[in-house]
Amino acid sequence: MADSGANPHANSGSRSNSVPGSASGARIDEATRAPVVTVWSDVGCPWASLALHTLHAAADERGQEVRIDHRAFPLELFNRRPTLKHIVEPEVIVIAARRPELGWRIWSPPESDYPSSTLLAMEAVQAAKTPVVGGLRASDELDSALRHAFFADSRCISIVTEILDIATACEYVDANALAEALERGVGRAEVYEHWRTAAGAGVQGSPQLFAADGYAAHNPGADFEWTADQNAGGLPRLDAYDSSWTQDLLDRLAGKPA
């Protein structure tokens, strides 16, 4: 997801056979030998959260272990402004209506409590990759928890105390180590490095997935468009969502022929 005119995620669901090396990331988690999917996204992007939930659910159903290497696609840096509530909330509504199992709700606290930034949340996800905090598994667990806290529980994931409260409920995250890492600024340089890399590495928007054998997909499964400009009263129209993309990806990761 990105605002019109600034790294927009046009061509929803598009695929490319060319995977830039700087964007595709590792193929195997060395700690567990599980296959890795590299996902570029903003933690506050509803479409990325839908894609990640769908992939996790499909992998769990198949009993297939997959690791997600999260790369930051910070919309507020690309767009030079906060990701606005009047853009995010209509997307939340159309996605939640089609996929009620997500448990998403419209923002319920005062608007003054709405997150104005997701940079710190993305920094925390990067910091969680460090071995002392927990590694890739912890990073992905924290990412999922932050997304659920925002979209389902209306929690302000802009502030460090909220992020750390969320982290304490994560099985694989050492919340104390994460707090110390964030105090030292761990994760910030990575977020900015990802932003600069994404701008020139063929990353179309949030979400963009890369995996082995040249797999690349932007916002897979979603057939949607805005009825008009997002800032002029336009609304997102989700015509269809086909989750079969997860089977294709999981088959590839398992080494099955396409």
C-alpha atoms as a PDB file:
ATOM      1  CA  MET A   1       0.000   0.000   0.000  1.00  0.00           C
ATOM      2  CA  ALA A   2       1.225   3.476  -0.825  1.00  0.00           C
ATOM      3  CA  ASP A   3      -0.416   6.799  -1.491  1.00  0.00           C
ATOM      4  CA  SER A   4      -1.059   7.913  -5.047  1.00  0.00           C
ATOM      5  CA  GLY A   5       1.962   9.496  -6.609  1.00  0.00           C
ATOM      6  CA  ALA A   6       4.525   8.084  -4.157  1.00  0.00           C
ATOM      7  CA  ASN A   7       5.627   4.520  -4.835  1.00  0.00           C
ATOM      8  CA  PRO A   8       2.017   3.449  -5.507  1.00  0.00           C
ATOM      9  CA  HIS A   9       1.314  -0.268  -5.489  1.00  0.00           C
ATOM     10  CA  ALA A  10      -0.164  -0.390  -8.937  1.00  0.00           C
ATOM     11  CA  ASN A  11      -0.624  -3.695 -10.765  1.00  0.00           C
ATOM     12  CA  SER A  12      -1.926  -5.441  -7.656  1.00  0.00           C
ATOM     13  CA  GLY A  13      -0.981  -9.093  -7.570  1.00  0.00           C
ATOM     14  CA  SER A  14       1.641  -8.741 -10.299  1.00  0.00           C
ATOM     15  CA  ARG A  15       4.506 -11.190 -10.599  1.00  0.00           C
ATOM     16  CA  SER A  16       8.040 -10.745 -11.858  1.00  0.00           C
ATOM     17  CA  ASN A  17      10.610 -13.349 -12.799  1.00  0.00           C
ATOM     18  CA  SER A  18      13.449 -10.953 -11.984  1.00  0.00           C
ATOM     19  CA  VAL A  19      14.349 -10.782  -8.311  1.00  0.00           C
ATOM     20  CA  PRO A  20      16.896  -8.110  -7.413  1.00  0.00           C
ATOM     21  CA  GLY A  21      19.538  -9.673  -5.175  1.00  0.00           C
ATOM     22  CA  SER A  22      19.454  -6.730  -2.787  1.00  0.00           C
ATOM     23  CA  ALA A  23      15.720  -7.207  -2.301  1.00  0.00           C
ATOM     24  CA  SER A  24      15.292 -10.971  -2.256  1.00  0.00           C
ATOM     25  CA  GLY A  25      17.240 -11.749   0.927  1.00  0.00           C
ATOM     26  CA  ALA A  26      18.308 -15.133   2.271  1.00  0.00           C
ATOM     27  CA  ARG A  27      16.662 -18.376   1.153  1.00  0.00           C
ATOM     28  CA  ILE A  28      17.289 -20.477   4.273  1.00  0.00           C
ATOM     29  CA  ASP A  29      17.187 -19.592   7.957  1.00  0.00           C
ATOM     30  CA  GLU A  30      20.583 -20.884   9.073  1.00  0.00           C
ATOM     31  CA  ALA A  31      19.359 -21.380  12.642  1.00  0.00           C
ATOM     32  CA  THR A  32      16.515 -23.758  11.731  1.00  0.00           C
ATOM     33  CA  ARG A  33      17.144 -24.610   8.044  1.00  0.00           C
ATOM     34  CA  ALA A  34      13.573 -23.474   7.311  1.00  0.00           C
ATOM     35  CA  PRO A  35      12.936 -21.777   3.955  1.00  0.00           C
ATOM     36  CA  VAL A  36      12.700 -17.984   4.073  1.00  0.00           C
ATOM     37  CA  VAL A  37      10.241 -15.610   2.431  1.00  0.00           C
ATOM     38  CA  THR A  38      11.423 -12.012   2.308  1.00  0.00           C
ATOM     39  CA  VAL A  39       8.519  -9.616   2.791  1.00  0.00           C
ATOM     40  CA  TRP A  40       8.809  -5.878   2.244  1.00  0.00           C
ATOM     41  CA  SER A  41       6.024  -3.997   3.987  1.00  0.00           C
ATOM     42  CA  ASP A  42       4.875  -1.338   6.400  1.00  0.00           C
ATOM     43  CA  VAL A  43       3.534  -2.743   9.675  1.00  0.00           C
ATOM     44  CA  GLY A  44       0.583  -0.357   9.347  1.00  0.00           C
ATOM     45  CA  CYS A  45      -0.370  -1.543   5.846  1.00  0.00           C
ATOM     46  CA  PRO A  46      -3.638  -3.537   5.826  1.00  0.00           C
ATOM     47  CA  TRP A  47      -2.819  -5.318   2.560  1.00  0.00           C
ATOM     48  CA  ALA A  48       0.533  -6.520   3.890  1.00  0.00           C
ATOM     49  CA  SER A  49      -1.130  -7.681   7.085  1.00  0.00           C
ATOM     50  CA  LEU A  50      -3.697  -9.612   5.040  1.00  0.00           C
ATOM     51  CA  ALA A  51      -0.986 -11.273   2.930  1.00  0.00           C
ATOM     52  CA  LEU A  52       1.066 -12.262   5.970  1.00  0.00           C
ATOM     53  CA  HIS A  53      -1.947 -13.635   7.841  1.00  0.00           C
ATOM     54  CA  THR A  54      -2.978 -15.644   4.781  1.00  0.00           C
ATOM     55  CA  LEU A  55       0.523 -17.087   4.320  1.00  0.00           C
ATOM     56  CA  HIS A  56       0.883 -17.979   7.994  1.00  0.00           C
ATOM     57  CA  ALA A  57      -2.540 -19.649   8.063  1.00  0.00           C
ATOM     58  CA  ALA A  58      -1.787 -21.698   4.942  1.00  0.00           C
ATOM     59  CA  ALA A  59       1.617 -22.798   6.257  1.00  0.00           C
ATOM     60  CA  ASP A  60       0.087 -23.791   9.605  1.00  0.00           C
ATOM     61  CA  GLU A  61      -2.639 -25.778   7.871  1.00  0.00           C
ATOM     62  CA  ARG A  62      -0.036 -27.694   5.887  1.00  0.00           C
ATOM     63  CA  GLY A  63       2.263 -28.115   8.870  1.00  0.00           C
ATOM     64  CA  GLN A  64       5.015 -26.466   6.829  1.00  0.00           C
ATOM     65  CA  GLU A  65       7.669 -24.421   8.591  1.00  0.00           C
ATOM     66  CA  VAL A  66       8.448 -21.086   6.947  1.00  0.00           C
ATOM     67  CA  ARG A  67      10.458 -18.126   8.175  1.00  0.00           C
ATOM     68  CA  ILE A  68       9.604 -14.538   7.260  1.00  0.00           C
ATOM     69  CA  ASP A  69      12.446 -12.062   6.874  1.00  0.00           C
ATOM     70  CA  HIS A  70      10.739  -8.706   7.327  1.00  0.00           C
ATOM     71  CA  ARG A  71      12.097  -5.748   5.407  1.00  0.00           C
ATOM     72  CA  ALA A  72      10.727  -2.278   6.070  1.00  0.00           C
ATOM     73  CA  PHE A  73       8.844  -0.440   3.348  1.00  0.00           C
ATOM     74  CA  PRO A  74       8.180   2.712   5.405  1.00  0.00           C
ATOM     75  CA  LEU A  75       5.274   4.456   3.743  1.00  0.00           C
ATOM     76  CA  GLU A  76       5.685   7.627   5.776  1.00  0.00           C
ATOM     77  CA  LEU A  77       9.214   8.071   4.418  1.00  0.00           C
ATOM     78  CA  PHE A  78       8.181   7.403   0.837  1.00  0.00           C
ATOM     79  CA  ASN A  79       5.151   9.680   1.097  1.00  0.00           C
ATOM     80  CA  ARG A  80       6.759  12.280   3.372  1.00  0.00           C
ATOM     81  CA  ARG A  81       3.757  12.287   5.717  1.00  0.00           C
ATOM     82  CA  PRO A  82       1.906   9.971   8.105  1.00  0.00           C
ATOM     83  CA  THR A  83      -0.175   7.202   6.552  1.00  0.00           C
ATOM     84  CA  LEU A  84      -3.537   8.830   7.009  1.00  0.00           C
ATOM     85  CA  LYS A  85      -6.449   7.288   8.882  1.00  0.00           C
ATOM     86  CA  HIS A  86      -8.916   8.204   6.141  1.00  0.00           C
ATOM     87  CA  ILE A  87      -6.877   6.036   3.750  1.00  0.00           C
ATOM     88  CA  VAL A  88      -6.147   3.108   6.056  1.00  0.00           C
ATOM     89  CA  GLU A  89      -9.572   2.718   7.633  1.00  0.00           C
ATOM     90  CA  PRO A  90     -11.586   2.143   4.413  1.00  0.00           C
ATOM     91  CA  GLU A  91      -9.037  -0.549   3.482  1.00  0.00           C
ATOM     92  CA  VAL A  92      -9.470  -2.142   6.900  1.00  0.00           C
ATOM     93  CA  ILE A  93     -13.245  -2.186   6.424  1.00  0.00           C
ATOM     94  CA  VAL A  94     -13.249  -3.840   2.991  1.00  0.00           C
ATOM     95  CA  ILE A  95     -10.651  -6.436   4.019  1.00  0.00           C
ATOM     96  CA  ALA A  96     -12.308  -7.227   7.353  1.00  0.00           C
ATOM     97  CA  ALA A  97     -15.688  -7.626   5.678  1.00  0.00           C
ATOM     98  CA  ARG A  98     -14.282 -10.242   3.299  1.00  0.00           C
ATOM     99  CA  ARG A  99     -12.020 -11.930   5.863  1.00  0.00           C
ATOM    100  CA  PRO A 100     -13.825 -11.726   9.239  1.00  0.00           C
ATOM    101  CA  GLU A 101     -11.474 -14.315  10.754  1.00  0.00           C
ATOM    102  CA  LEU A 102      -8.888 -11.532  10.985  1.00  0.00           C
ATOM    103  CA  GLY A 103     -10.857  -9.969  13.826  1.00  0.00           C
ATOM    104  CA  TRP A 104     -10.134  -6.438  12.620  1.00  0.00           C
ATOM    105  CA  ARG A 105     -12.222  -3.479  13.754  1.00  0.00           C
ATOM    106  CA  ILE A 106     -12.342   0.198  12.956  1.00  0.00           C
ATOM    107  CA  TRP A 107     -10.327   2.396  15.300  1.00  0.00           C
ATOM    108  CA  SER A 108     -12.287   2.823  18.546  1.00  0.00           C
ATOM    109  CA  PRO A 109     -10.212   5.101  20.860  1.00  0.00           C
ATOM    110  CA  PRO A 110     -10.085   8.882  20.351  1.00  0.00           C
ATOM    111  CA  GLU A 111      -8.547   9.909  17.040  1.00  0.00           C
ATOM    112  CA  SER A 112      -5.815  11.685  18.988  1.00  0.00           C
ATOM    113  CA  ASP A 113      -4.533   8.226  19.992  1.00  0.00           C
ATOM    114  CA  TYR A 114      -4.244   6.995  16.387  1.00  0.00           C
ATOM    115  CA  PRO A 115      -0.643   6.086  15.469  1.00  0.00           C
ATOM    116  CA  SER A 116       0.990   8.922  13.557  1.00  0.00           C
ATOM    117  CA  SER A 117       4.058   6.807  12.768  1.00  0.00           C
ATOM    118  CA  THR A 118       4.950   3.140  12.467  1.00  0.00           C
ATOM    119  CA  LEU A 119       8.707   3.654  12.211  1.00  0.00           C
ATOM    120  CA  LEU A 120       9.425   2.597  15.788  1.00  0.00           C
ATOM    121  CA  ALA A 121       7.306  -0.537  15.388  1.00  0.00           C
ATOM    122  CA  MET A 122       9.290  -1.465  12.281  1.00  0.00           C
ATOM    123  CA  GLU A 123      12.529  -0.744  14.129  1.00  0.00           C
ATOM    124  CA  ALA A 124      11.409  -3.143  16.857  1.00  0.00           C
ATOM    125  CA  VAL A 125      10.741  -5.865  14.288  1.00  0.00           C
ATOM    126  CA  GLN A 126      14.261  -5.411  12.947  1.00  0.00           C
ATOM    127  CA  ALA A 127      15.781  -5.314  16.430  1.00  0.00           C
ATOM    128  CA  ALA A 128      14.031  -8.583  17.269  1.00  0.00           C
ATOM    129  CA  LYS A 129      16.094 -10.325  14.577  1.00  0.00           C
ATOM    130  CA  THR A 130      19.208 -10.045  16.711  1.00  0.00           C
ATOM    131  CA  PRO A 131      20.025 -13.363  18.404  1.00  0.00           C
ATOM    132  CA  VAL A 132      19.881 -11.895  21.914  1.00  0.00           C
ATOM    133  CA  VAL A 133      16.246 -10.824  21.328  1.00  0.00           C
ATOM    134  CA  GLY A 134      15.174 -13.970  19.511  1.00  0.00           C
ATOM    135  CA  GLY A 135      16.076 -14.069  15.800  1.00  0.00           C
ATOM    136  CA  LEU A 136      13.859 -14.400  12.736  1.00  0.00           C
ATOM    137  CA  ARG A 137      11.137 -16.368  14.541  1.00  0.00           C
ATOM    138  CA  ALA A 138      10.889 -13.689  17.227  1.00  0.00           C
ATOM    139  CA  SER A 139      10.901 -10.914  14.650  1.00  0.00           C
ATOM    140  CA  ASP A 140       7.999 -12.475  12.771  1.00  0.00           C
ATOM    141  CA  GLU A 141       6.080 -13.188  15.986  1.00  0.00           C
ATOM    142  CA  LEU A 142       6.454  -9.565  17.067  1.00  0.00           C
ATOM    143  CA  ASP A 143       5.459  -8.291  13.626  1.00  0.00           C
ATOM    144  CA  SER A 144       2.247 -10.351  13.726  1.00  0.00           C
ATOM    145  CA  ALA A 145       1.486  -9.207  17.270  1.00  0.00           C
ATOM    146  CA  LEU A 146       1.963  -5.544  16.390  1.00  0.00           C
ATOM    147  CA  ARG A 147      -0.333  -5.815  13.380  1.00  0.00           C
ATOM    148  CA  HIS A 148      -3.035  -7.541  15.429  1.00  0.00           C
ATOM    149  CA  ALA A 149      -2.678  -4.957  18.195  1.00  0.00           C
ATOM    150  CA  PHE A 150      -3.209  -2.145  15.701  1.00  0.00           C
ATOM    151  CA  PHE A 151      -5.935  -3.558  13.476  1.00  0.00           C
ATOM    152  CA  ALA A 152      -7.873  -5.681  15.965  1.00  0.00           C
ATOM    153  CA  ASP A 153      -7.240  -4.053  19.342  1.00  0.00           C
ATOM    154  CA  SER A 154      -6.831  -0.368  18.401  1.00  0.00           C
ATOM    155  CA  ARG A 155      -3.522  -0.037  20.241  1.00  0.00           C
ATOM    156  CA  CYS A 156      -1.171   2.838  19.504  1.00  0.00           C
ATOM    157  CA  ILE A 157       1.918   1.109  18.151  1.00  0.00           C
ATOM    158  CA  SER A 158       3.758   4.412  17.743  1.00  0.00           C
ATOM    159  CA  ILE A 159       5.035   4.463  21.313  1.00  0.00           C
ATOM    160  CA  VAL A 160       7.744   2.303  22.811  1.00  0.00           C
ATOM    161  CA  THR A 161       5.851   1.379  25.989  1.00  0.00           C
ATOM    162  CA  GLU A 162       3.000  -0.078  23.932  1.00  0.00           C
ATOM    163  CA  ILE A 163       5.415  -1.957  21.683  1.00  0.00           C
ATOM    164  CA  LEU A 164       7.174  -3.464  24.693  1.00  0.00           C
ATOM    165  CA  ASP A 165       3.875  -4.408  26.334  1.00  0.00           C
ATOM    166  CA  ILE A 166       2.968  -6.252  23.143  1.00  0.00           C
ATOM    167  CA  ALA A 167       6.405  -7.896  23.060  1.00  0.00           C
ATOM    168  CA  THR A 168       6.008  -9.318  26.575  1.00  0.00           C
ATOM    169  CA  ALA A 169       3.174 -11.521  25.293  1.00  0.00           C
ATOM    170  CA  CYS A 170       5.353 -12.972  22.518  1.00  0.00           C
ATOM    171  CA  GLU A 171       6.722 -16.422  23.306  1.00  0.00           C
ATOM    172  CA  TYR A 172       9.959 -16.126  21.362  1.00  0.00           C
ATOM    173  CA  VAL A 173      10.775 -12.457  22.074  1.00  0.00           C
ATOM    174  CA  ASP A 174      12.995 -11.483  24.991  1.00  0.00           C
ATOM    175  CA  ALA A 175      11.193  -8.243  25.828  1.00  0.00           C
ATOM    176  CA  ASN A 176      13.913  -7.043  28.189  1.00  0.00           C
ATOM    177  CA  ALA A 177      16.573  -7.537  25.548  1.00  0.00           C
ATOM    178  CA  LEU A 178      14.331  -5.776  23.029  1.00  0.00           C
ATOM    179  CA  ALA A 179      13.923  -2.798  25.372  1.00  0.00           C
ATOM    180  CA  GLU A 180      17.691  -2.524  25.750  1.00  0.00           C
ATOM    181  CA  ALA A 181      18.175  -2.825  21.992  1.00  0.00           C
ATOM    182  CA  LEU A 182      15.667  -0.070  21.258  1.00  0.00           C
ATOM    183  CA  GLU A 183      17.341   2.184  23.832  1.00  0.00           C
ATOM    184  CA  ARG A 184      20.542   1.810  21.806  1.00  0.00           C
ATOM    185  CA  GLY A 185      18.759   2.540  18.531  1.00  0.00           C
ATOM    186  CA  VAL A 186      19.060  -1.007  17.179  1.00  0.00           C
ATOM    187  CA  GLY A 187      16.796  -1.367  14.149  1.00  0.00           C
ATOM    188  CA  ARG A 188      16.727   2.274  13.099  1.00  0.00           C
ATOM    189  CA  ALA A 189      19.637   2.070  10.671  1.00  0.00           C
ATOM    190  CA  GLU A 190      18.127  -1.090   9.165  1.00  0.00           C
ATOM    191  CA  VAL A 191      14.778   0.620   8.527  1.00  0.00           C
ATOM    192  CA  TYR A 192      16.460   3.504   6.746  1.00  0.00           C
ATOM    193  CA  GLU A 193      18.695   1.137   4.788  1.00  0.00           C
ATOM    194  CA  HIS A 194      15.621  -0.823   3.693  1.00  0.00           C
ATOM    195  CA  TRP A 195      13.887   2.391   2.620  1.00  0.00           C
ATOM    196  CA  ARG A 196      16.804   3.379   0.400  1.00  0.00           C
ATOM    197  CA  THR A 197      17.209  -0.154  -0.960  1.00  0.00           C
ATOM    198  CA  ALA A 198      13.508  -0.511  -1.768  1.00  0.00           C
ATOM    199  CA  ALA A 199      13.515   2.715  -3.754  1.00  0.00           C
ATOM    200  CA  GLY A 200      15.969   1.258  -6.251  1.00  0.00           C
ATOM    201  CA  ALA A 201      15.600  -2.504  -5.998  1.00  0.00           C
ATOM    202  CA  GLY A 202      12.387  -3.249  -7.853  1.00  0.00           C
ATOM    203  CA  VAL A 203      10.178  -3.310  -4.766  1.00  0.00           C
ATOM    204  CA  GLN A 204       6.764  -2.166  -5.994  1.00  0.00           C
ATOM    205  CA  GLY A 205       5.171  -1.400  -2.658  1.00  0.00           C
ATOM    206  CA  SER A 206       3.747  -2.880   0.515  1.00  0.00           C
ATOM    207  CA  PRO A 207       3.557  -5.857   0.469  1.00  0.00           C
ATOM    208  CA  GLN A 208       6.161  -7.313  -1.858  1.00  0.00           C
ATOM    209  CA  LEU A 209       7.217 -10.941  -1.415  1.00  0.00           C
ATOM    210  CA  PHE A 210      10.386 -12.606  -2.662  1.00  0.00           C
ATOM    211  CA  ALA A 211      11.402 -16.243  -2.324  1.00  0.00           C
ATOM    212  CA  ALA A 212      13.481 -18.960  -3.930  1.00  0.00           C
ATOM    213  CA  ASP A 213      13.470 -19.742  -7.668  1.00  0.00           C
ATOM    214  CA  GLY A 214      12.741 -16.158  -8.642  1.00  0.00           C
ATOM    215  CA  TYR A 215       9.376 -15.888  -6.926  1.00  0.00           C
ATOM    216  CA  ALA A 216       8.226 -12.271  -6.657  1.00  0.00           C
ATOM    217  CA  ALA A 217       4.698 -11.043  -5.990  1.00  0.00           C
ATOM    218  CA  HIS A 218       3.221  -7.688  -5.103  1.00  0.00           C
ATOM    219  CA  ASN A 219       0.027  -7.735  -3.018  1.00  0.00           C
ATOM    220  CA  PRO A 220      -0.742 -11.299  -4.144  1.00  0.00           C
ATOM    221  CA  GLY A 221      -4.326 -12.493  -4.427  1.00  0.00           C
ATOM    222  CA  ALA A 222      -5.965  -9.083  -4.161  1.00  0.00           C
ATOM    223  CA  ASP A 223      -8.100  -7.778  -7.027  1.00  0.00           C
ATOM    224  CA  PHE A 224      -8.891  -4.260  -5.925  1.00  0.00           C
ATOM    225  CA  GLU A 225      -8.840  -0.655  -7.001  1.00  0.00           C
ATOM    226  CA  TRP A 226      -9.722   2.749  -5.634  1.00  0.00           C
ATOM    227  CA  THR A 227     -12.923   4.233  -7.049  1.00  0.00           C
ATOM    228  CA  ALA A 228     -11.291   7.673  -7.154  1.00  0.00           C
ATOM    229  CA  ASP A 229      -8.309   9.483  -5.700  1.00  0.00           C
ATOM    230  CA  GLN A 230      -7.718   8.467  -2.088  1.00  0.00           C
ATOM    231  CA  ASN A 231      -7.580  12.092  -0.994  1.00  0.00           C
ATOM    232  CA  ALA A 232     -10.697  13.137  -2.885  1.00  0.00           C
ATOM    233  CA  GLY A 233     -13.311  10.805  -1.427  1.00  0.00           C
ATOM    234  CA  GLY A 234     -12.298   7.646  -3.269  1.00  0.00           C
ATOM    235  CA  LEU A 235     -12.968   4.282  -1.669  1.00  0.00           C
ATOM    236  CA  PRO A 236     -11.173   0.932  -2.071  1.00  0.00           C
ATOM    237  CA  ARG A 237     -13.155  -1.751  -3.881  1.00  0.00           C
ATOM    238  CA  LEU A 238     -12.004  -5.301  -3.227  1.00  0.00           C
ATOM    239  CA  ASP A 239     -13.528  -7.318  -6.063  1.00  0.00           C
ATOM    240  CA  ALA A 240     -11.928 -10.633  -5.111  1.00  0.00           C
ATOM    241  CA  TYR A 241      -9.282 -12.219  -2.944  1.00  0.00           C
ATOM    242  CA  ASP A 242      -7.747 -15.489  -4.127  1.00  0.00           C
ATOM    243  CA  SER A 243      -5.637 -17.149  -1.442  1.00  0.00           C
ATOM    244  CA  SER A 244      -4.379 -19.899  -3.771  1.00  0.00           C
ATOM    245  CA  TRP A 245      -1.160 -17.906  -4.224  1.00  0.00           C
ATOM    246  CA  THR A 246      -0.052 -19.309  -0.878  1.00  0.00           C
ATOM    247  CA  GLN A 247      -0.172 -22.873  -2.201  1.00  0.00           C
ATOM    248  CA  ASP A 248       2.010 -21.943  -5.164  1.00  0.00           C
ATOM    249  CA  LEU A 249       4.525 -20.257  -2.880  1.00  0.00           C
ATOM    250  CA  LEU A 250       4.554 -23.044  -0.286  1.00  0.00           C
ATOM    251  CA  ASP A 251       4.973 -25.665  -3.019  1.00  0.00           C
ATOM    252  CA  ARG A 252       7.994 -23.751  -4.314  1.00  0.00           C
ATOM    253  CA  LEU A 253       9.476 -23.558  -0.841  1.00  0.00           C
ATOM    254  CA  ALA A 254       8.966 -27.301  -0.425  1.00  0.00           C
ATOM    255  CA  GLY A 255      10.786 -27.929  -3.700  1.00  0.00           C
ATOM    256  CA  LYS A 256       7.741 -29.183  -5.593  1.00  0.00           C
ATOM    257  CA  PRO A 257       7.760 -28.555  -9.366  1.00  0.00           C
ATOM    258  CA  ALA A 258       5.655 -25.628 -10.538  1.00  0.00           C
END
